């Protein structure tokens, strides 16, 4: 007899699930969260970050990471979590995937040049807003939050590989 093993969710998974759930029913929550990533208005969302039980408000970079992702989800009015990493989502912003797009690649290079989590969060504010303008982007917010919280050289390498590497849609076209 095999015993079923239930996987408990990580705090990043719980955060994303709870934000998605609250966005569906609570306009006040959505309004506060859209302003969570701006220094002047962020305290309006602290209540919700505490209610969700995931962010350590005393840890500036952790609080800012949760606020950034929550704000991005609220602006997008996310109903389900996406599947794309940051690198893949940036790749999808290119007008023509076969051509170089300096504006998109400059954004990737700027993200990859970040030396710490605080700098990354500042750069990602505008990068995420840029990506959300594309209807081809389905950002995996849980993955993004985890990447921000554990930001290091390996994270940068994976983002670069996801951007510059081969992609499934290219592979399918070549097979035809």
C-alpha atoms as a PDB file:
ATOM      1  CA  UNK A   1       0.000   0.000   0.000  1.00  0.00           C
ATOM      2  CA  UNK A   2       1.458   3.323  -1.047  1.00  0.00           C
ATOM      3  CA  UNK A   3       0.898   6.362   1.039  1.00  0.00           C
ATOM      4  CA  UNK A   4      -0.169   9.528  -0.769  1.00  0.00           C
ATOM      5  CA  UNK A   5       2.274  12.325  -0.111  1.00  0.00           C
ATOM      6  CA  UNK A   6       0.725  15.764   0.006  1.00  0.00           C
ATOM      7  CA  UNK A   7       3.026  18.536  -1.048  1.00  0.00           C
ATOM      8  CA  UNK A   8       2.689  21.590   1.130  1.00  0.00           C
ATOM      9  CA  UNK A   9       2.835  24.848  -0.748  1.00  0.00           C
ATOM     10  CA  UNK A  10       5.754  27.207  -0.404  1.00  0.00           C
ATOM     11  CA  UNK A  11       5.162  30.714   0.865  1.00  0.00           C
ATOM     12  CA  UNK A  12       5.637  32.098  -2.651  1.00  0.00           C
ATOM     13  CA  UNK A  13       2.993  29.710  -4.020  1.00  0.00           C
ATOM     14  CA  UNK A  14       0.639  30.618  -1.177  1.00  0.00           C
ATOM     15  CA  UNK A  15       1.174  34.323  -1.798  1.00  0.00           C
ATOM     16  CA  UNK A  16       0.379  34.082  -5.512  1.00  0.00           C
ATOM     17  CA  UNK A  17      -2.665  31.868  -4.883  1.00  0.00           C
ATOM     18  CA  UNK A  18      -3.994  34.220  -2.206  1.00  0.00           C
ATOM     19  CA  UNK A  19      -3.462  37.326  -4.342  1.00  0.00           C
ATOM     20  CA  UNK A  20      -5.279  35.723  -7.283  1.00  0.00           C
ATOM     21  CA  UNK A  21      -8.155  34.741  -5.016  1.00  0.00           C
ATOM     22  CA  UNK A  22      -8.447  38.210  -3.440  1.00  0.00           C
ATOM     23  CA  UNK A  23      -8.235  39.994  -6.801  1.00  0.00           C
ATOM     24  CA  UNK A  24     -11.377  38.166  -7.923  1.00  0.00           C
ATOM     25  CA  UNK A  25     -13.504  39.450  -5.056  1.00  0.00           C
ATOM     26  CA  UNK A  26     -11.954  42.508  -3.391  1.00  0.00           C
ATOM     27  CA  UNK A  27     -11.650  45.786  -5.285  1.00  0.00           C
ATOM     28  CA  UNK A  28     -10.163  47.565  -2.261  1.00  0.00           C
ATOM     29  CA  UNK A  29      -7.428  44.964  -2.124  1.00  0.00           C
ATOM     30  CA  UNK A  30      -6.751  45.369  -5.840  1.00  0.00           C
ATOM     31  CA  UNK A  31      -6.600  49.155  -5.551  1.00  0.00           C
ATOM     32  CA  UNK A  32      -4.169  49.049  -2.637  1.00  0.00           C
ATOM     33  CA  UNK A  33      -1.994  46.393  -4.263  1.00  0.00           C
ATOM     34  CA  UNK A  34      -1.643  48.341  -7.529  1.00  0.00           C
ATOM     35  CA  UNK A  35       0.165  50.984  -5.473  1.00  0.00           C
ATOM     36  CA  UNK A  36       2.232  48.555  -3.381  1.00  0.00           C
ATOM     37  CA  UNK A  37       5.427  48.933  -5.400  1.00  0.00           C
ATOM     38  CA  UNK A  38       5.691  52.717  -5.109  1.00  0.00           C
ATOM     39  CA  UNK A  39       7.556  54.021  -2.076  1.00  0.00           C
ATOM     40  CA  UNK A  40       5.054  56.793  -1.277  1.00  0.00           C
ATOM     41  CA  UNK A  41       1.942  54.608  -1.472  1.00  0.00           C
ATOM     42  CA  UNK A  42       3.328  51.220  -0.423  1.00  0.00           C
ATOM     43  CA  UNK A  43       2.167  51.501   3.220  1.00  0.00           C
ATOM     44  CA  UNK A  44      -1.442  51.297   1.998  1.00  0.00           C
ATOM     45  CA  UNK A  45      -0.752  47.702   0.974  1.00  0.00           C
ATOM     46  CA  UNK A  46       1.199  46.640   4.065  1.00  0.00           C
ATOM     47  CA  UNK A  47      -2.020  45.606   5.780  1.00  0.00           C
ATOM     48  CA  UNK A  48      -2.723  43.179   2.968  1.00  0.00           C
ATOM     49  CA  UNK A  49       0.840  41.866   2.885  1.00  0.00           C
ATOM     50  CA  UNK A  50       0.440  41.071   6.587  1.00  0.00           C
ATOM     51  CA  UNK A  51      -2.995  39.500   6.088  1.00  0.00           C
ATOM     52  CA  UNK A  52      -1.595  37.246   3.399  1.00  0.00           C
ATOM     53  CA  UNK A  53       0.983  36.195   5.975  1.00  0.00           C
ATOM     54  CA  UNK A  54       3.936  35.909   3.646  1.00  0.00           C
ATOM     55  CA  UNK A  55       6.110  39.011   3.769  1.00  0.00           C
ATOM     56  CA  UNK A  56       8.394  40.149   6.556  1.00  0.00           C
ATOM     57  CA  UNK A  57       7.632  43.874   6.605  1.00  0.00           C
ATOM     58  CA  UNK A  58      10.764  44.621   8.627  1.00  0.00           C
ATOM     59  CA  UNK A  59      12.959  43.186   5.879  1.00  0.00           C
ATOM     60  CA  UNK A  60      12.960  45.949   3.249  1.00  0.00           C
ATOM     61  CA  UNK A  61      14.015  43.906   0.228  1.00  0.00           C
ATOM     62  CA  UNK A  62      11.661  41.040   1.080  1.00  0.00           C
ATOM     63  CA  UNK A  63       8.727  43.405   1.630  1.00  0.00           C
ATOM     64  CA  UNK A  64       9.541  45.155  -1.655  1.00  0.00           C
ATOM     65  CA  UNK A  65       9.720  41.835  -3.501  1.00  0.00           C
ATOM     66  CA  UNK A  66       6.260  40.750  -2.329  1.00  0.00           C
ATOM     67  CA  UNK A  67       4.904  44.254  -2.984  1.00  0.00           C
ATOM     68  CA  UNK A  68       6.362  44.330  -6.503  1.00  0.00           C
ATOM     69  CA  UNK A  69       4.856  40.987  -7.475  1.00  0.00           C
ATOM     70  CA  UNK A  70       1.526  41.763  -5.800  1.00  0.00           C
ATOM     71  CA  UNK A  71       1.336  45.120  -7.587  1.00  0.00           C
ATOM     72  CA  UNK A  72       2.141  43.526 -10.942  1.00  0.00           C
ATOM     73  CA  UNK A  73      -0.563  40.920 -10.445  1.00  0.00           C
ATOM     74  CA  UNK A  74      -3.097  43.567  -9.414  1.00  0.00           C
ATOM     75  CA  UNK A  75      -2.326  45.759 -12.439  1.00  0.00           C
ATOM     76  CA  UNK A  76      -2.705  42.776 -14.747  1.00  0.00           C
ATOM     77  CA  UNK A  77      -5.814  41.609 -12.866  1.00  0.00           C
ATOM     78  CA  UNK A  78      -4.328  38.141 -12.931  1.00  0.00           C
ATOM     79  CA  UNK A  79      -6.877  35.334 -12.829  1.00  0.00           C
ATOM     80  CA  UNK A  80      -4.360  32.495 -13.116  1.00  0.00           C
ATOM     81  CA  UNK A  81      -0.619  32.300 -12.744  1.00  0.00           C
ATOM     82  CA  UNK A  82       1.339  32.234 -15.978  1.00  0.00           C
ATOM     83  CA  UNK A  83       4.072  29.850 -17.092  1.00  0.00           C
ATOM     84  CA  UNK A  84       6.864  32.080 -18.406  1.00  0.00           C
ATOM     85  CA  UNK A  85      10.091  32.919 -16.642  1.00  0.00           C
ATOM     86  CA  UNK A  86      11.356  36.482 -16.809  1.00  0.00           C
ATOM     87  CA  UNK A  87      13.765  35.658 -19.643  1.00  0.00           C
ATOM     88  CA  UNK A  88      11.104  33.883 -21.694  1.00  0.00           C
ATOM     89  CA  UNK A  89       8.563  36.652 -21.080  1.00  0.00           C
ATOM     90  CA  UNK A  90      11.042  39.263 -22.305  1.00  0.00           C
ATOM     91  CA  UNK A  91      11.743  37.138 -25.383  1.00  0.00           C
ATOM     92  CA  UNK A  92       8.002  37.082 -26.096  1.00  0.00           C
ATOM     93  CA  UNK A  93       7.964  40.890 -26.102  1.00  0.00           C
ATOM     94  CA  UNK A  94      10.073  40.967 -29.240  1.00  0.00           C
ATOM     95  CA  UNK A  95       8.073  42.036 -32.273  1.00  0.00           C
ATOM     96  CA  UNK A  96       9.791  39.451 -34.469  1.00  0.00           C
ATOM     97  CA  UNK A  97      11.431  36.591 -32.537  1.00  0.00           C
ATOM     98  CA  UNK A  98      13.906  35.975 -35.378  1.00  0.00           C
ATOM     99  CA  UNK A  99      15.135  39.563 -35.403  1.00  0.00           C
ATOM    100  CA  UNK A 100      17.167  41.388 -32.791  1.00  0.00           C
ATOM    101  CA  UNK A 101      15.155  43.866 -30.776  1.00  0.00           C
ATOM    102  CA  UNK A 102      17.551  46.236 -29.069  1.00  0.00           C
ATOM    103  CA  UNK A 103      14.951  47.776 -26.758  1.00  0.00           C
ATOM    104  CA  UNK A 104      13.955  44.401 -25.322  1.00  0.00           C
ATOM    105  CA  UNK A 105      17.510  43.135 -25.145  1.00  0.00           C
ATOM    106  CA  UNK A 106      18.612  46.343 -23.393  1.00  0.00           C
ATOM    107  CA  UNK A 107      16.009  45.655 -20.724  1.00  0.00           C
ATOM    108  CA  UNK A 108      17.317  42.124 -20.276  1.00  0.00           C
ATOM    109  CA  UNK A 109      20.912  43.356 -20.056  1.00  0.00           C
ATOM    110  CA  UNK A 110      19.885  45.928 -17.446  1.00  0.00           C
ATOM    111  CA  UNK A 111      18.194  43.225 -15.346  1.00  0.00           C
ATOM    112  CA  UNK A 112      21.248  40.972 -15.686  1.00  0.00           C
ATOM    113  CA  UNK A 113      23.532  43.830 -14.589  1.00  0.00           C
ATOM    114  CA  UNK A 114      21.792  44.148 -11.210  1.00  0.00           C
ATOM    115  CA  UNK A 115      24.100  43.408  -8.313  1.00  0.00           C
ATOM    116  CA  UNK A 116      21.597  42.967  -5.483  1.00  0.00           C
ATOM    117  CA  UNK A 117      17.926  42.418  -4.762  1.00  0.00           C
ATOM    118  CA  UNK A 118      17.124  46.086  -4.090  1.00  0.00           C
ATOM    119  CA  UNK A 119      18.583  47.162  -7.429  1.00  0.00           C
ATOM    120  CA  UNK A 120      16.760  44.305  -9.175  1.00  0.00           C
ATOM    121  CA  UNK A 121      13.409  45.342  -7.690  1.00  0.00           C
ATOM    122  CA  UNK A 122      13.907  48.926  -8.854  1.00  0.00           C
ATOM    123  CA  UNK A 123      14.726  47.777 -12.395  1.00  0.00           C
ATOM    124  CA  UNK A 124      11.921  45.217 -12.516  1.00  0.00           C
ATOM    125  CA  UNK A 125       9.199  47.799 -11.788  1.00  0.00           C
ATOM    126  CA  UNK A 126       9.487  49.250 -15.277  1.00  0.00           C
ATOM    127  CA  UNK A 127      10.456  45.968 -16.938  1.00  0.00           C
ATOM    128  CA  UNK A 128       7.307  44.227 -15.704  1.00  0.00           C
ATOM    129  CA  UNK A 129       5.099  47.116 -16.819  1.00  0.00           C
ATOM    130  CA  UNK A 130       6.734  46.940 -20.237  1.00  0.00           C
ATOM    131  CA  UNK A 131       6.151  43.177 -20.481  1.00  0.00           C
ATOM    132  CA  UNK A 132       2.518  43.487 -19.404  1.00  0.00           C
ATOM    133  CA  UNK A 133       1.795  45.552 -22.520  1.00  0.00           C
ATOM    134  CA  UNK A 134       2.356  42.453 -24.647  1.00  0.00           C
ATOM    135  CA  UNK A 135      -0.539  40.043 -25.032  1.00  0.00           C
ATOM    136  CA  UNK A 136       1.994  37.212 -25.552  1.00  0.00           C
ATOM    137  CA  UNK A 137       3.359  37.429 -22.014  1.00  0.00           C
ATOM    138  CA  UNK A 138       2.061  35.073 -19.290  1.00  0.00           C
ATOM    139  CA  UNK A 139       4.523  35.681 -16.485  1.00  0.00           C
ATOM    140  CA  UNK A 140       4.864  33.037 -13.782  1.00  0.00           C
ATOM    141  CA  UNK A 141       4.584  35.296 -10.740  1.00  0.00           C
ATOM    142  CA  UNK A 142       5.389  32.578  -8.225  1.00  0.00           C
ATOM    143  CA  UNK A 143       8.601  31.768 -10.060  1.00  0.00           C
ATOM    144  CA  UNK A 144       9.437  35.478 -10.396  1.00  0.00           C
ATOM    145  CA  UNK A 145       8.921  36.075  -6.673  1.00  0.00           C
ATOM    146  CA  UNK A 146      11.106  33.089  -5.816  1.00  0.00           C
ATOM    147  CA  UNK A 147      13.779  34.357  -8.219  1.00  0.00           C
ATOM    148  CA  UNK A 148      13.743  37.793  -6.593  1.00  0.00           C
ATOM    149  CA  UNK A 149      13.906  36.410  -3.058  1.00  0.00           C
ATOM    150  CA  UNK A 150      16.812  34.103  -3.930  1.00  0.00           C
ATOM    151  CA  UNK A 151      18.446  36.379  -6.505  1.00  0.00           C
ATOM    152  CA  UNK A 152      21.972  35.320  -7.420  1.00  0.00           C
ATOM    153  CA  UNK A 153      24.229  34.598 -10.388  1.00  0.00           C
ATOM    154  CA  UNK A 154      22.409  31.333 -11.171  1.00  0.00           C
ATOM    155  CA  UNK A 155      19.153  33.260 -11.465  1.00  0.00           C
ATOM    156  CA  UNK A 156      20.737  35.619 -13.997  1.00  0.00           C
ATOM    157  CA  UNK A 157      22.163  32.704 -16.000  1.00  0.00           C
ATOM    158  CA  UNK A 158      18.761  31.000 -16.171  1.00  0.00           C
ATOM    159  CA  UNK A 159      17.067  34.234 -17.310  1.00  0.00           C
ATOM    160  CA  UNK A 160      19.704  34.680 -20.030  1.00  0.00           C
ATOM    161  CA  UNK A 161      19.292  31.058 -21.153  1.00  0.00           C
ATOM    162  CA  UNK A 162      15.512  31.476 -21.251  1.00  0.00           C
ATOM    163  CA  UNK A 163      15.877  34.585 -23.406  1.00  0.00           C
ATOM    164  CA  UNK A 164      18.668  33.521 -25.772  1.00  0.00           C
ATOM    165  CA  UNK A 165      18.001  29.774 -25.847  1.00  0.00           C
ATOM    166  CA  UNK A 166      15.884  27.802 -28.274  1.00  0.00           C
ATOM    167  CA  UNK A 167      12.135  28.041 -27.765  1.00  0.00           C
ATOM    168  CA  UNK A 168       9.384  25.486 -28.378  1.00  0.00           C
ATOM    169  CA  UNK A 169       7.599  27.570 -31.015  1.00  0.00           C
ATOM    170  CA  UNK A 170      10.852  27.847 -33.000  1.00  0.00           C
ATOM    171  CA  UNK A 171      11.399  24.090 -32.726  1.00  0.00           C
ATOM    172  CA  UNK A 172       7.875  23.405 -34.028  1.00  0.00           C
ATOM    173  CA  UNK A 173       8.395  25.701 -37.043  1.00  0.00           C
ATOM    174  CA  UNK A 174      11.704  24.018 -37.906  1.00  0.00           C
ATOM    175  CA  UNK A 175      10.065  20.564 -37.789  1.00  0.00           C
ATOM    176  CA  UNK A 176       7.545  21.557 -40.483  1.00  0.00           C
END
